[in-house]
């Protein structure tokens, strides 16, 4: 089955087709589990997040809009948000060091080219180590501003400002 078939599977899932849902799961579960494991390194928690994510996918399949993105991106966003919510509820210690992040796991051939990923890596490397770690902790590991503030011993407003400046530098680098 090719990636081009995923939108059709989601349409069938929206109509309650369990076989289509099983096929969608088979085609996407490895990718989504990778997304969830980056945020929830404890396997049991990650499996709980996957169950909740696929429940949401089943319930919300009719909301998928191919004009806004690919099915895998839509599903990965659901899985990521579920994992972040679970992480915030449970508050386990997450990875915060940028060297722990596997950039190649980010790449979805449908959505991110190798060149785009390489550019992101170069631009992240141009940030100082603290800024890079902060961006990765917030946007890839799912730590909230409040969690970062508590962990780093700075006010939440300061964390927000640092993130804003770091993202502006990233954007300037990527646009340049």
C-alpha atoms as a PDB file:
ATOM      1  CA  UNK A   1       0.000   0.000   0.000  1.00  0.00           C
ATOM      2  CA  UNK A   2       1.352   3.425  -0.886  1.00  0.00           C
ATOM      3  CA  UNK A   3       1.090   6.727   0.951  1.00  0.00           C
ATOM      4  CA  UNK A   4      -1.307   7.883  -1.769  1.00  0.00           C
ATOM      5  CA  UNK A   5      -3.878   5.418  -0.423  1.00  0.00           C
ATOM      6  CA  UNK A   6      -3.920   6.902   3.094  1.00  0.00           C
ATOM      7  CA  UNK A   7      -6.474   9.655   2.295  1.00  0.00           C
ATOM      8  CA  UNK A   8      -8.856   7.038   0.890  1.00  0.00           C
ATOM      9  CA  UNK A   9      -8.393   4.901   3.982  1.00  0.00           C
ATOM     10  CA  UNK A  10      -9.237   7.880   6.212  1.00  0.00           C
ATOM     11  CA  UNK A  11     -12.381   8.528   4.174  1.00  0.00           C
ATOM     12  CA  UNK A  12     -13.413   4.928   4.755  1.00  0.00           C
ATOM     13  CA  UNK A  13     -12.537   5.200   8.459  1.00  0.00           C
ATOM     14  CA  UNK A  14     -14.765   8.283   8.661  1.00  0.00           C
ATOM     15  CA  UNK A  15     -17.582   6.057   7.408  1.00  0.00           C
ATOM     16  CA  UNK A  16     -16.879   3.518  10.182  1.00  0.00           C
ATOM     17  CA  UNK A  17     -14.921   0.991   8.088  1.00  0.00           C
ATOM     18  CA  UNK A  18     -12.984  -1.109  10.615  1.00  0.00           C
ATOM     19  CA  UNK A  19     -10.959  -2.886   7.932  1.00  0.00           C
ATOM     20  CA  UNK A  20      -9.773   0.468   6.571  1.00  0.00           C
ATOM     21  CA  UNK A  21      -8.890   1.513  10.116  1.00  0.00           C
ATOM     22  CA  UNK A  22      -6.833  -1.653  10.602  1.00  0.00           C
ATOM     23  CA  UNK A  23      -5.016  -0.974   7.323  1.00  0.00           C
ATOM     24  CA  UNK A  24      -4.444   2.664   8.303  1.00  0.00           C
ATOM     25  CA  UNK A  25      -3.027   1.471  11.628  1.00  0.00           C
ATOM     26  CA  UNK A  26      -0.721  -1.043   9.924  1.00  0.00           C
ATOM     27  CA  UNK A  27       0.557   1.651   7.557  1.00  0.00           C
ATOM     28  CA  UNK A  28       1.095   4.399  10.159  1.00  0.00           C
ATOM     29  CA  UNK A  29       1.719   2.835  13.577  1.00  0.00           C
ATOM     30  CA  UNK A  30       5.518   2.549  13.313  1.00  0.00           C
ATOM     31  CA  UNK A  31       5.870   6.241  12.418  1.00  0.00           C
ATOM     32  CA  UNK A  32       3.434   7.363  15.118  1.00  0.00           C
ATOM     33  CA  UNK A  33       5.053   5.173  17.745  1.00  0.00           C
ATOM     34  CA  UNK A  34       8.380   6.865  16.932  1.00  0.00           C
ATOM     35  CA  UNK A  35       6.769  10.284  17.399  1.00  0.00           C
ATOM     36  CA  UNK A  36       5.272   9.230  20.736  1.00  0.00           C
ATOM     37  CA  UNK A  37       8.473   7.583  22.008  1.00  0.00           C
ATOM     38  CA  UNK A  38      10.432  10.814  21.527  1.00  0.00           C
ATOM     39  CA  UNK A  39       8.080  12.460  24.002  1.00  0.00           C
ATOM     40  CA  UNK A  40       7.303   9.493  26.259  1.00  0.00           C
ATOM     41  CA  UNK A  41      10.396   7.291  26.501  1.00  0.00           C
ATOM     42  CA  UNK A  42       8.663   4.877  28.892  1.00  0.00           C
ATOM     43  CA  UNK A  43       7.185   2.184  26.667  1.00  0.00           C
ATOM     44  CA  UNK A  44       4.037   1.587  28.743  1.00  0.00           C
ATOM     45  CA  UNK A  45       3.159   5.284  28.664  1.00  0.00           C
ATOM     46  CA  UNK A  46       3.878   5.435  24.943  1.00  0.00           C
ATOM     47  CA  UNK A  47       1.562   2.486  24.329  1.00  0.00           C
ATOM     48  CA  UNK A  48      -1.193   4.227  26.313  1.00  0.00           C
ATOM     49  CA  UNK A  49      -0.687   7.339  24.210  1.00  0.00           C
ATOM     50  CA  UNK A  50      -0.894   5.288  21.012  1.00  0.00           C
ATOM     51  CA  UNK A  51      -4.200   3.770  22.082  1.00  0.00           C
ATOM     52  CA  UNK A  52      -5.606   7.198  22.876  1.00  0.00           C
ATOM     53  CA  UNK A  53      -4.238   8.651  19.618  1.00  0.00           C
ATOM     54  CA  UNK A  54      -5.796   5.961  17.457  1.00  0.00           C
ATOM     55  CA  UNK A  55      -9.081   6.358  19.312  1.00  0.00           C
ATOM     56  CA  UNK A  56      -8.989  10.052  18.394  1.00  0.00           C
ATOM     57  CA  UNK A  57      -8.074   9.215  14.816  1.00  0.00           C
ATOM     58  CA  UNK A  58     -11.067   6.846  14.629  1.00  0.00           C
ATOM     59  CA  UNK A  59     -13.425   9.454  16.083  1.00  0.00           C
ATOM     60  CA  UNK A  60     -12.068  12.405  14.088  1.00  0.00           C
ATOM     61  CA  UNK A  61     -11.287  10.851  10.696  1.00  0.00           C
ATOM     62  CA  UNK A  62     -14.050  12.894   9.092  1.00  0.00           C
ATOM     63  CA  UNK A  63     -12.159  16.031  10.144  1.00  0.00           C
ATOM     64  CA  UNK A  64      -9.139  15.196   8.000  1.00  0.00           C
ATOM     65  CA  UNK A  65      -8.635  17.746   5.208  1.00  0.00           C
ATOM     66  CA  UNK A  66      -6.126  16.719   2.536  1.00  0.00           C
ATOM     67  CA  UNK A  67      -5.737  20.375   1.500  1.00  0.00           C
ATOM     68  CA  UNK A  68      -4.149  21.121   4.887  1.00  0.00           C
ATOM     69  CA  UNK A  69      -1.612  18.305   4.941  1.00  0.00           C
ATOM     70  CA  UNK A  70      -0.919  14.644   4.466  1.00  0.00           C
ATOM     71  CA  UNK A  71      -2.716  11.936   6.456  1.00  0.00           C
ATOM     72  CA  UNK A  72       0.507  10.921   8.204  1.00  0.00           C
ATOM     73  CA  UNK A  73       1.160  14.505   9.286  1.00  0.00           C
ATOM     74  CA  UNK A  74      -2.414  14.829  10.546  1.00  0.00           C
ATOM     75  CA  UNK A  75      -2.152  11.553  12.472  1.00  0.00           C
ATOM     76  CA  UNK A  76       1.336  12.398  13.790  1.00  0.00           C
ATOM     77  CA  UNK A  77       0.016  15.713  15.101  1.00  0.00           C
ATOM     78  CA  UNK A  78      -2.749  13.903  16.952  1.00  0.00           C
ATOM     79  CA  UNK A  79      -0.259  11.384  18.381  1.00  0.00           C
ATOM     80  CA  UNK A  80       2.192  14.130  19.368  1.00  0.00           C
ATOM     81  CA  UNK A  81      -0.503  16.165  21.118  1.00  0.00           C
ATOM     82  CA  UNK A  82      -1.791  13.116  22.987  1.00  0.00           C
ATOM     83  CA  UNK A  83       1.757  12.263  24.099  1.00  0.00           C
ATOM     84  CA  UNK A  84       2.414  15.827  25.251  1.00  0.00           C
ATOM     85  CA  UNK A  85      -0.868  15.883  27.178  1.00  0.00           C
ATOM     86  CA  UNK A  86      -0.039  12.556  28.824  1.00  0.00           C
ATOM     87  CA  UNK A  87       3.483  13.696  29.637  1.00  0.00           C
ATOM     88  CA  UNK A  88       2.158  16.855  31.237  1.00  0.00           C
ATOM     89  CA  UNK A  89      -0.380  14.890  33.279  1.00  0.00           C
ATOM     90  CA  UNK A  90       2.208  12.380  34.486  1.00  0.00           C
ATOM     91  CA  UNK A  91       5.187  14.768  34.527  1.00  0.00           C
ATOM     92  CA  UNK A  92       7.928  12.185  34.021  1.00  0.00           C
ATOM     93  CA  UNK A  93      11.451  13.439  33.548  1.00  0.00           C
ATOM     94  CA  UNK A  94      11.989  13.961  29.840  1.00  0.00           C
ATOM     95  CA  UNK A  95      15.044  14.252  27.714  1.00  0.00           C
ATOM     96  CA  UNK A  96      16.288  17.791  27.494  1.00  0.00           C
ATOM     97  CA  UNK A  97      19.676  17.434  25.874  1.00  0.00           C
ATOM     98  CA  UNK A  98      19.658  18.191  22.166  1.00  0.00           C
ATOM     99  CA  UNK A  99      22.217  15.479  21.416  1.00  0.00           C
ATOM    100  CA  UNK A 100      19.526  12.934  22.403  1.00  0.00           C
ATOM    101  CA  UNK A 101      17.294  14.069  19.563  1.00  0.00           C
ATOM    102  CA  UNK A 102      17.274  11.980  16.405  1.00  0.00           C
ATOM    103  CA  UNK A 103      16.734  14.445  13.564  1.00  0.00           C
ATOM    104  CA  UNK A 104      16.407  11.659  11.018  1.00  0.00           C
ATOM    105  CA  UNK A 105      13.309  10.398  12.849  1.00  0.00           C
ATOM    106  CA  UNK A 106      11.635  13.725  12.025  1.00  0.00           C
ATOM    107  CA  UNK A 107      11.860  13.176   8.312  1.00  0.00           C
ATOM    108  CA  UNK A 108       8.721  12.097   6.546  1.00  0.00           C
ATOM    109  CA  UNK A 109       9.452  11.896   2.833  1.00  0.00           C
ATOM    110  CA  UNK A 110       6.023  13.330   2.036  1.00  0.00           C
ATOM    111  CA  UNK A 111       6.447  16.405   4.181  1.00  0.00           C
ATOM    112  CA  UNK A 112      10.089  17.239   4.856  1.00  0.00           C
ATOM    113  CA  UNK A 113      12.884  17.010   2.341  1.00  0.00           C
ATOM    114  CA  UNK A 114      16.387  15.987   3.321  1.00  0.00           C
ATOM    115  CA  UNK A 115      17.483  19.523   2.391  1.00  0.00           C
ATOM    116  CA  UNK A 116      14.919  21.112   4.714  1.00  0.00           C
ATOM    117  CA  UNK A 117      15.981  18.847   7.545  1.00  0.00           C
ATOM    118  CA  UNK A 118      19.656  19.623   6.896  1.00  0.00           C
ATOM    119  CA  UNK A 119      18.863  23.357   6.932  1.00  0.00           C
ATOM    120  CA  UNK A 120      17.032  22.991  10.248  1.00  0.00           C
ATOM    121  CA  UNK A 121      19.991  21.111  11.714  1.00  0.00           C
ATOM    122  CA  UNK A 122      22.419  23.839  10.542  1.00  0.00           C
ATOM    123  CA  UNK A 123      20.216  26.604  11.941  1.00  0.00           C
ATOM    124  CA  UNK A 124      19.768  24.825  15.272  1.00  0.00           C
ATOM    125  CA  UNK A 125      23.539  24.432  15.455  1.00  0.00           C
ATOM    126  CA  UNK A 126      23.861  28.207  15.072  1.00  0.00           C
ATOM    127  CA  UNK A 127      21.889  28.743  18.271  1.00  0.00           C
ATOM    128  CA  UNK A 128      23.890  28.652  21.464  1.00  0.00           C
ATOM    129  CA  UNK A 129      23.631  25.385  23.382  1.00  0.00           C
ATOM    130  CA  UNK A 130      21.139  26.741  25.950  1.00  0.00           C
ATOM    131  CA  UNK A 131      18.826  28.164  23.279  1.00  0.00           C
ATOM    132  CA  UNK A 132      18.961  24.940  21.266  1.00  0.00           C
ATOM    133  CA  UNK A 133      18.207  22.816  24.322  1.00  0.00           C
ATOM    134  CA  UNK A 134      15.304  25.094  25.243  1.00  0.00           C
ATOM    135  CA  UNK A 135      13.763  24.930  21.749  1.00  0.00           C
ATOM    136  CA  UNK A 136      14.115  21.153  21.584  1.00  0.00           C
ATOM    137  CA  UNK A 137      12.729  20.676  25.086  1.00  0.00           C
ATOM    138  CA  UNK A 138       9.700  22.853  24.334  1.00  0.00           C
ATOM    139  CA  UNK A 139       8.838  21.933  20.771  1.00  0.00           C
ATOM    140  CA  UNK A 140      10.069  18.389  20.400  1.00  0.00           C
ATOM    141  CA  UNK A 141       9.952  16.953  23.899  1.00  0.00           C
ATOM    142  CA  UNK A 142       6.729  18.746  24.760  1.00  0.00           C
ATOM    143  CA  UNK A 143       7.809  20.502  27.954  1.00  0.00           C
ATOM    144  CA  UNK A 144       5.525  23.395  28.840  1.00  0.00           C
ATOM    145  CA  UNK A 145       6.861  26.883  29.532  1.00  0.00           C
ATOM    146  CA  UNK A 146       5.948  26.364  33.166  1.00  0.00           C
ATOM    147  CA  UNK A 147       7.871  23.073  33.368  1.00  0.00           C
ATOM    148  CA  UNK A 148      10.898  24.673  31.756  1.00  0.00           C
ATOM    149  CA  UNK A 149      10.701  27.639  34.127  1.00  0.00           C
ATOM    150  CA  UNK A 150      10.541  25.352  37.143  1.00  0.00           C
ATOM    151  CA  UNK A 151      13.339  23.099  35.926  1.00  0.00           C
ATOM    152  CA  UNK A 152      15.617  25.983  34.927  1.00  0.00           C
ATOM    153  CA  UNK A 153      14.770  28.247  37.867  1.00  0.00           C
ATOM    154  CA  UNK A 154      13.608  31.226  35.798  1.00  0.00           C
ATOM    155  CA  UNK A 155      10.245  33.002  35.541  1.00  0.00           C
ATOM    156  CA  UNK A 156       7.830  31.697  32.914  1.00  0.00           C
ATOM    157  CA  UNK A 157       7.894  35.071  31.144  1.00  0.00           C
ATOM    158  CA  UNK A 158      11.652  34.807  30.755  1.00  0.00           C
ATOM    159  CA  UNK A 159      11.314  31.331  29.248  1.00  0.00           C
ATOM    160  CA  UNK A 160       8.690  32.656  26.812  1.00  0.00           C
ATOM    161  CA  UNK A 161      10.985  35.522  25.807  1.00  0.00           C
ATOM    162  CA  UNK A 162      13.953  33.200  25.311  1.00  0.00           C
ATOM    163  CA  UNK A 163      11.853  30.862  23.184  1.00  0.00           C
ATOM    164  CA  UNK A 164      10.491  33.762  21.141  1.00  0.00           C
ATOM    165  CA  UNK A 165      13.993  35.103  20.447  1.00  0.00           C
ATOM    166  CA  UNK A 166      15.324  31.627  19.670  1.00  0.00           C
ATOM    167  CA  UNK A 167      12.491  30.940  17.219  1.00  0.00           C
ATOM    168  CA  UNK A 168      13.035  34.335  15.583  1.00  0.00           C
ATOM    169  CA  UNK A 169      16.719  33.453  15.091  1.00  0.00           C
ATOM    170  CA  UNK A 170      15.743  30.067  13.647  1.00  0.00           C
ATOM    171  CA  UNK A 171      13.242  31.672  11.285  1.00  0.00           C
ATOM    172  CA  UNK A 172      15.805  34.267  10.180  1.00  0.00           C
ATOM    173  CA  UNK A 173      18.344  31.536   9.508  1.00  0.00           C
ATOM    174  CA  UNK A 174      15.874  29.343   7.610  1.00  0.00           C
ATOM    175  CA  UNK A 175      14.544  32.277   5.562  1.00  0.00           C
ATOM    176  CA  UNK A 176      18.066  33.591   4.854  1.00  0.00           C
END
